[in-house]
């Protein structure tokens, strides 16, 4: 299988087990689940990047750094349980950790053809589904990991049109952890990550769309017009169901979103008291053979991380102008 990727270029995948997993129904469903949730349906010309593209990207990145086959598979499968519209479920169910989907990983995988594929290869599915086994794939913020590196580099390229080649080529693995080869790259990546989070993931407009769309889903669940199982279909399937609901409250919210939100932040009496997750990384780099965090050498990055966390964690008091 040949993969043409905008971040990593052309990549060949020859292992039968990986090809079969890529072609499995749970992974293929991710082609219809947008990385950014509902906002591309309501923001004109917003790039459409899917969870499928991201999952393949994580796989490719892990392969570039000689991760084990088990870790490559874990990377490919890590987003399989995402709901339609990705993290919108975290707003529906008010999940501050933005990890609502993770509780469904075992259920979705075990109910699919994936266990049979892994069993055929003599691979331990329980080991693969245990995230703590794979330090390149997942680490807590503000550390680097394949998941975080791929989604940020992918979105920095698609949203900001930044060239990611120097960052990909500037990475290496030291003691089982992603690091940059020099300070300047580490600092630049840390600042660009904050730029991405503040203007895309955690922007007041993005939070407003998520909150209003979550209200629509919450009301649809309350009316029994959809079920929790519908959240595990695709963006388009769920959108069509929601738009067909004959409920004035739901249709008014859709009209508001369709017309394009005009918002004001920092108001005394907000329509939305929006909360989201603050994301920032403190990339390590190699100095005289040792690992050093970029914020230890850059006061600019250290302050940027502090200010960004404070800004996002305060929440957004948002007024919607009809």
Protein backbone atom coordinates (compact mmCIF):
# COMPACT_ATOMS: atom_id res chain seq x y z
CA UNK A 1 0.00 0.00 0.00
CA UNK A 2 1.33 3.42 -0.98
CA UNK A 3 0.33 6.38 1.18
CA UNK A 4 0.68 9.95 -0.11
CA UNK A 5 0.86 12.14 2.97
CA UNK A 6 1.09 15.95 3.03
CA UNK A 7 3.40 15.90 6.08
CA UNK A 8 5.64 12.87 5.43
CA UNK A 9 5.47 12.45 1.65
CA UNK A 10 5.17 9.05 -0.02
CA UNK A 11 5.31 6.02 2.24
CA UNK A 12 5.08 2.31 1.48
CA UNK A 13 3.32 -0.12 3.80
CA UNK A 14 3.95 -3.78 2.99
CA UNK A 15 2.98 -5.69 6.14
CA UNK A 16 -0.24 -7.63 5.54
CA UNK A 17 -1.43 -7.12 9.09
CA UNK A 18 -1.19 -3.33 8.78
CA UNK A 19 -2.92 -3.29 5.40
CA UNK A 20 -5.76 -5.47 6.74
CA UNK A 21 -6.14 -3.23 9.79
CA UNK A 22 -6.18 -0.09 7.63
CA UNK A 23 -8.94 -1.66 5.53
CA UNK A 24 -10.97 -2.72 8.57
CA UNK A 25 -14.37 -1.11 9.12
CA UNK A 26 -13.47 0.79 12.33
CA UNK A 27 -10.43 2.43 10.70
CA UNK A 28 -12.26 3.14 7.44
CA UNK A 29 -15.06 4.89 9.37
CA UNK A 30 -12.51 7.53 10.40
CA UNK A 31 -12.48 8.79 6.79
CA UNK A 32 -15.85 10.36 7.61
CA UNK A 33 -14.90 11.81 11.01
CA UNK A 34 -13.39 15.27 10.93
CA UNK A 35 -10.38 16.03 13.09
CA UNK A 36 -11.81 19.41 14.10
CA UNK A 37 -15.35 18.41 15.03
CA UNK A 38 -18.39 20.34 13.72
CA UNK A 39 -16.68 23.64 12.83
CA UNK A 40 -15.85 22.77 9.17
CA UNK A 41 -19.61 22.50 8.57
CA UNK A 42 -20.05 26.11 9.71
CA UNK A 43 -16.76 27.89 8.93
CA UNK A 44 -16.25 28.51 5.23
CA UNK A 45 -13.06 27.10 3.69
CA UNK A 46 -11.89 25.44 6.90
CA UNK A 47 -9.49 22.59 5.96
CA UNK A 48 -11.08 19.14 6.12
CA UNK A 49 -8.62 16.81 7.84
CA UNK A 50 -9.94 13.44 8.95
CA UNK A 51 -9.16 11.12 11.84
CA UNK A 52 -8.20 8.56 9.18
CA UNK A 53 -5.47 10.81 7.77
CA UNK A 54 -4.22 11.48 11.30
CA UNK A 55 -4.22 7.77 12.22
CA UNK A 56 -2.16 6.90 9.14
CA UNK A 57 0.13 9.82 9.97
CA UNK A 58 0.76 8.52 13.48
CA UNK A 59 1.52 5.09 12.01
CA UNK A 60 3.98 6.56 9.50
CA UNK A 61 5.70 8.70 12.13
CA UNK A 62 6.16 5.70 14.42
CA UNK A 63 7.54 3.67 11.50
CA UNK A 64 10.05 6.41 10.68
CA UNK A 65 11.50 5.98 14.16
CA UNK A 66 11.50 2.17 14.18
CA UNK A 67 8.72 1.68 16.72
CA UNK A 68 7.71 -1.92 17.32
CA UNK A 69 4.95 -3.45 15.22
CA UNK A 70 2.72 -3.47 18.31
CA UNK A 71 3.24 0.27 18.83
CA UNK A 72 2.60 0.97 15.16
CA UNK A 73 -0.70 -0.91 15.42
CA UNK A 74 -1.61 0.91 18.63
CA UNK A 75 -0.93 4.20 16.82
CA UNK A 76 -3.11 3.21 13.88
CA UNK A 77 -5.99 2.20 16.17
CA UNK A 78 -5.77 4.88 18.84
CA UNK A 79 -8.53 7.07 17.36
CA UNK A 80 -10.92 4.27 16.38
CA UNK A 81 -13.36 5.06 19.25
CA UNK A 82 -13.74 8.74 18.36
CA UNK A 83 -17.36 9.80 18.04
CA UNK A 84 -18.71 11.64 15.03
CA UNK A 85 -17.49 15.25 15.17
CA UNK A 86 -14.54 14.07 17.29
CA UNK A 87 -14.36 15.91 20.62
CA UNK A 88 -17.91 17.28 20.52
CA UNK A 89 -18.92 14.46 22.89
CA UNK A 90 -16.63 15.99 25.52
CA UNK A 91 -18.80 19.12 25.39
CA UNK A 92 -22.05 17.12 25.36
CA UNK A 93 -21.07 15.17 28.48
CA UNK A 94 -18.86 17.94 29.96
CA UNK A 95 -15.69 15.86 29.96
CA UNK A 96 -12.85 18.22 30.94
CA UNK A 97 -10.14 15.74 30.02
CA UNK A 98 -11.48 15.56 26.44
CA UNK A 99 -11.17 11.77 26.58
CA UNK A 100 -14.83 10.64 26.46
CA UNK A 101 -14.08 8.47 23.43
CA UNK A 102 -11.26 6.53 25.11
CA UNK A 103 -13.63 4.53 27.32
CA UNK A 104 -15.07 2.89 24.19
CA UNK A 105 -11.79 1.69 22.66
CA UNK A 106 -12.05 -1.91 23.84
CA UNK A 107 -15.75 -2.23 23.01
CA UNK A 108 -15.48 -0.93 19.45
CA UNK A 109 -12.39 -2.96 18.63
CA UNK A 110 -13.57 -6.22 20.20
CA UNK A 111 -16.86 -6.01 18.30
CA UNK A 112 -15.05 -5.73 14.96
CA UNK A 113 -12.84 -7.84 12.70
CA UNK A 114 -9.71 -6.40 14.33
CA UNK A 115 -9.25 -9.11 17.03
CA UNK A 116 -9.28 -11.79 14.32
CA UNK A 117 -6.64 -9.95 12.30
CA UNK A 118 -4.36 -9.61 15.33
CA UNK A 119 -4.97 -13.18 16.51
CA UNK A 120 -4.01 -14.48 13.07
CA UNK A 121 -0.62 -12.79 13.50
CA UNK A 122 -0.16 -14.04 17.06
CA UNK A 123 -0.37 -10.51 18.48
CA UNK A 124 -1.67 -9.80 21.98
CA UNK A 125 -4.65 -7.47 21.63
CA UNK A 126 -4.73 -6.70 25.35
CA UNK A 127 -1.12 -5.50 25.24
CA UNK A 128 -1.78 -3.38 22.15
CA UNK A 129 -4.82 -1.68 23.65
CA UNK A 130 -2.94 -0.70 26.82
CA UNK A 131 -1.75 2.83 26.06
CA UNK A 132 0.78 2.88 28.89
CA UNK A 133 2.85 0.29 27.01
CA UNK A 134 3.79 2.79 24.30
CA UNK A 135 5.80 5.84 25.30
CA UNK A 136 6.41 7.07 21.75
CA UNK A 137 2.70 7.01 20.92
CA UNK A 138 1.25 8.75 23.99
CA UNK A 139 2.57 11.00 26.73
CA UNK A 140 0.91 13.56 28.96
CA UNK A 141 1.09 17.25 28.08
CA UNK A 142 3.41 19.13 27.73
CA UNK A 143 5.54 16.27 26.41
CA UNK A 144 5.93 15.26 22.76
CA UNK A 145 4.47 12.03 21.43
CA UNK A 146 3.55 10.65 18.01
CA UNK A 147 -0.14 11.45 18.45
CA UNK A 148 0.49 15.08 19.47
CA UNK A 149 3.26 15.63 16.93
CA UNK A 150 1.18 14.36 14.05
CA UNK A 151 -2.04 16.23 14.72
CA UNK A 152 -0.19 19.49 15.34
CA UNK A 153 2.13 19.22 12.33
CA UNK A 154 -0.81 18.16 10.14
CA UNK A 155 -2.90 21.13 11.26
CA UNK A 156 -0.01 23.61 11.17
CA UNK A 157 0.41 22.64 7.52
CA UNK A 158 -3.28 22.67 6.58
CA UNK A 159 -4.40 25.68 8.65
CA UNK A 160 -1.26 27.83 8.64
CA UNK A 161 0.51 26.56 5.50
CA UNK A 162 3.75 26.09 7.44
CA UNK A 163 6.37 23.75 6.02
CA UNK A 164 6.75 20.81 8.39
CA UNK A 165 9.72 19.10 6.73
CA UNK A 166 12.33 20.71 8.97
CA UNK A 167 10.45 19.62 12.09
CA UNK A 168 10.04 16.03 10.87
CA UNK A 169 13.71 15.87 9.88
CA UNK A 170 14.77 17.60 13.11
CA UNK A 171 13.23 14.94 15.35
CA UNK A 172 15.04 12.01 16.91
CA UNK A 173 14.34 9.50 19.66
CA UNK A 174 16.48 9.51 22.80
CA UNK A 175 15.81 7.09 25.65
CA UNK A 176 12.43 6.21 24.19
CA UNK A 177 11.22 9.81 23.85
CA UNK A 178 10.84 12.23 20.93
CA UNK A 179 13.28 15.15 21.10
CA UNK A 180 14.46 17.82 18.67
CA UNK A 181 18.06 17.90 17.58
CA UNK A 182 18.59 21.56 18.49
CA UNK A 183 17.18 24.36 20.61
CA UNK A 184 15.93 26.64 17.84
CA UNK A 185 13.72 23.93 16.34
CA UNK A 186 12.35 23.00 19.76
CA UNK A 187 11.55 26.60 20.64
CA UNK A 188 9.96 27.33 17.26
CA UNK A 189 7.79 24.24 17.42
CA UNK A 190 6.65 25.09 20.95
CA UNK A 191 5.62 28.61 19.87
CA UNK A 192 3.87 27.39 16.73
CA UNK A 193 1.95 24.80 18.77
CA UNK A 194 0.63 27.56 21.04
CA UNK A 195 -0.30 29.64 17.98
CA UNK A 196 -2.26 26.67 16.62
CA UNK A 197 -4.09 26.04 19.87
CA UNK A 198 -4.99 29.68 20.47
CA UNK A 199 -6.25 30.35 16.95
CA UNK A 200 -7.76 26.97 16.04
CA UNK A 201 -8.38 24.41 18.79
CA UNK A 202 -9.11 26.82 21.65
CA UNK A 203 -10.32 29.90 19.80
CA UNK A 204 -13.51 31.52 21.16
CA UNK A 205 -15.28 30.96 17.83
CA UNK A 206 -14.37 27.26 17.85
CA UNK A 207 -15.54 26.91 21.46
CA UNK A 208 -18.81 28.69 20.61
CA UNK A 209 -19.55 26.31 17.74
CA UNK A 210 -18.74 23.30 19.90
CA UNK A 211 -20.98 24.53 22.74
CA UNK A 212 -23.97 25.29 20.49
CA UNK A 213 -23.61 22.04 18.56
CA UNK A 214 -23.28 20.13 21.84
CA UNK A 215 -26.57 21.73 22.93
CA UNK A 216 -28.18 20.37 19.76
CA UNK A 217 -26.92 16.86 20.42
CA UNK A 218 -27.86 17.05 24.11
CA UNK A 219 -31.42 18.09 23.21
CA UNK A 220 -31.68 15.36 20.56
CA UNK A 221 -30.63 12.76 23.14
CA UNK A 222 -33.13 14.17 25.64
CA UNK A 223 -35.92 13.86 23.04
CA UNK A 224 -34.80 10.30 22.17
CA UNK A 225 -34.40 11.40 18.57
CA UNK A 226 -30.90 9.95 18.62
CA UNK A 227 -29.12 7.47 20.88
CA UNK A 228 -25.57 7.31 22.18
CA UNK A 229 -24.92 4.68 19.48
CA UNK A 230 -25.60 7.33 16.83
CA UNK A 231 -22.56 9.21 18.11
CA UNK A 232 -20.41 6.38 16.78
CA UNK A 233 -21.57 6.70 13.18
CA UNK A 234 -20.08 9.36 10.88
CA UNK A 235 -20.25 13.14 10.78
CA UNK A 236 -22.64 13.18 7.82
CA UNK A 237 -24.91 10.44 9.17
CA UNK A 238 -25.31 12.17 12.51
CA UNK A 239 -25.69 15.62 10.92
CA UNK A 240 -28.50 14.38 8.67
CA UNK A 241 -30.34 12.89 11.67
CA UNK A 242 -29.99 16.07 13.70
CA UNK A 243 -31.14 18.36 10.91
CA UNK A 244 -34.24 16.23 10.36
CA UNK A 245 -35.47 16.64 13.95
CA UNK A 246 -38.65 18.73 14.16
CA UNK A 247 -37.75 20.73 17.24
CA UNK A 248 -37.85 24.54 17.22
CA UNK A 249 -34.99 24.84 19.72
CA UNK A 250 -32.71 22.61 17.63
CA UNK A 251 -33.60 24.30 14.35
CA UNK A 252 -33.01 27.77 15.82
CA UNK A 253 -29.53 26.72 16.90
CA UNK A 254 -28.80 25.33 13.44
CA UNK A 255 -29.96 28.62 11.91
CA UNK A 256 -27.60 30.48 14.22
CA UNK A 257 -24.66 28.29 13.18
CA UNK A 258 -25.57 28.30 9.47
CA UNK A 259 -25.72 32.10 9.32
CA UNK A 260 -22.21 32.42 10.78
CA UNK A 261 -21.56 33.38 14.36
CA UNK A 262 -20.71 36.93 15.33
CA UNK A 263 -19.21 36.81 18.80
CA UNK A 264 -17.85 39.11 21.48
CA UNK A 265 -15.69 37.87 24.36
CA UNK A 266 -15.15 39.10 27.90
CA UNK A 267 -18.73 40.28 28.42
CA UNK A 268 -20.41 40.60 31.83
CA UNK A 269 -23.53 38.63 30.88
CA UNK A 270 -22.43 35.90 28.45
CA UNK A 271 -24.60 33.64 26.33
CA UNK A 272 -21.85 31.02 26.59
CA UNK A 273 -19.46 30.43 29.46
CA UNK A 274 -17.12 28.36 27.32
CA UNK A 275 -14.47 25.97 28.59
CA UNK A 276 -11.97 23.89 26.70
CA UNK A 277 -8.64 22.15 27.17
CA UNK A 278 -5.44 24.23 27.13
CA UNK A 279 -2.79 22.60 24.95
CA UNK A 280 0.88 23.59 24.95
CA UNK A 281 4.09 21.61 24.54
CA UNK A 282 7.53 22.15 26.00
CA UNK A 283 9.70 20.33 23.47
CA UNK A 284 12.94 18.78 24.67
CA UNK A 285 16.13 19.12 22.64
CA UNK A 286 19.62 17.68 22.80
CA UNK A 287 22.41 19.84 24.23
CA UNK A 288 25.86 18.33 24.76
CA UNK A 289 24.31 14.89 24.57
CA UNK A 290 21.70 15.61 27.25
CA UNK A 291 17.97 16.27 27.06
CA UNK A 292 16.90 19.82 27.96
CA UNK A 293 13.38 21.33 27.91
CA UNK A 294 13.11 24.28 25.54
CA UNK A 295 11.52 26.46 28.23
CA UNK A 296 14.71 26.11 30.29
CA UNK A 297 16.59 28.04 27.58
CA UNK A 298 13.80 30.30 26.31
CA UNK A 299 12.08 32.80 28.56
CA UNK A 300 9.84 33.65 25.59
CA UNK A 301 8.51 30.10 25.35
CA UNK A 302 8.24 29.73 29.13
CA UNK A 303 6.10 32.87 29.37
CA UNK A 304 4.07 31.93 26.29
CA UNK A 305 3.15 28.56 27.83
CA UNK A 306 2.20 30.19 31.13
CA UNK A 307 0.11 32.93 29.51
CA UNK A 308 -1.63 30.54 27.12
CA UNK A 309 -2.64 28.16 29.88
CA UNK A 310 -3.93 31.04 31.97
CA UNK A 311 -5.87 32.50 29.02
CA UNK A 312 -7.60 29.24 28.07
CA UNK A 313 -8.19 27.99 31.61
CA UNK A 314 -10.01 31.20 32.50
CA UNK A 315 -12.66 30.22 29.97
CA UNK A 316 -14.46 32.44 27.50
CA UNK A 317 -17.43 34.64 28.41
CA UNK A 318 -19.01 34.88 24.98
CA UNK A 319 -21.87 36.97 23.64
CA UNK A 320 -23.56 35.73 20.47
CA UNK A 321 -24.89 38.42 18.16
CA UNK A 322 -27.75 37.18 15.98
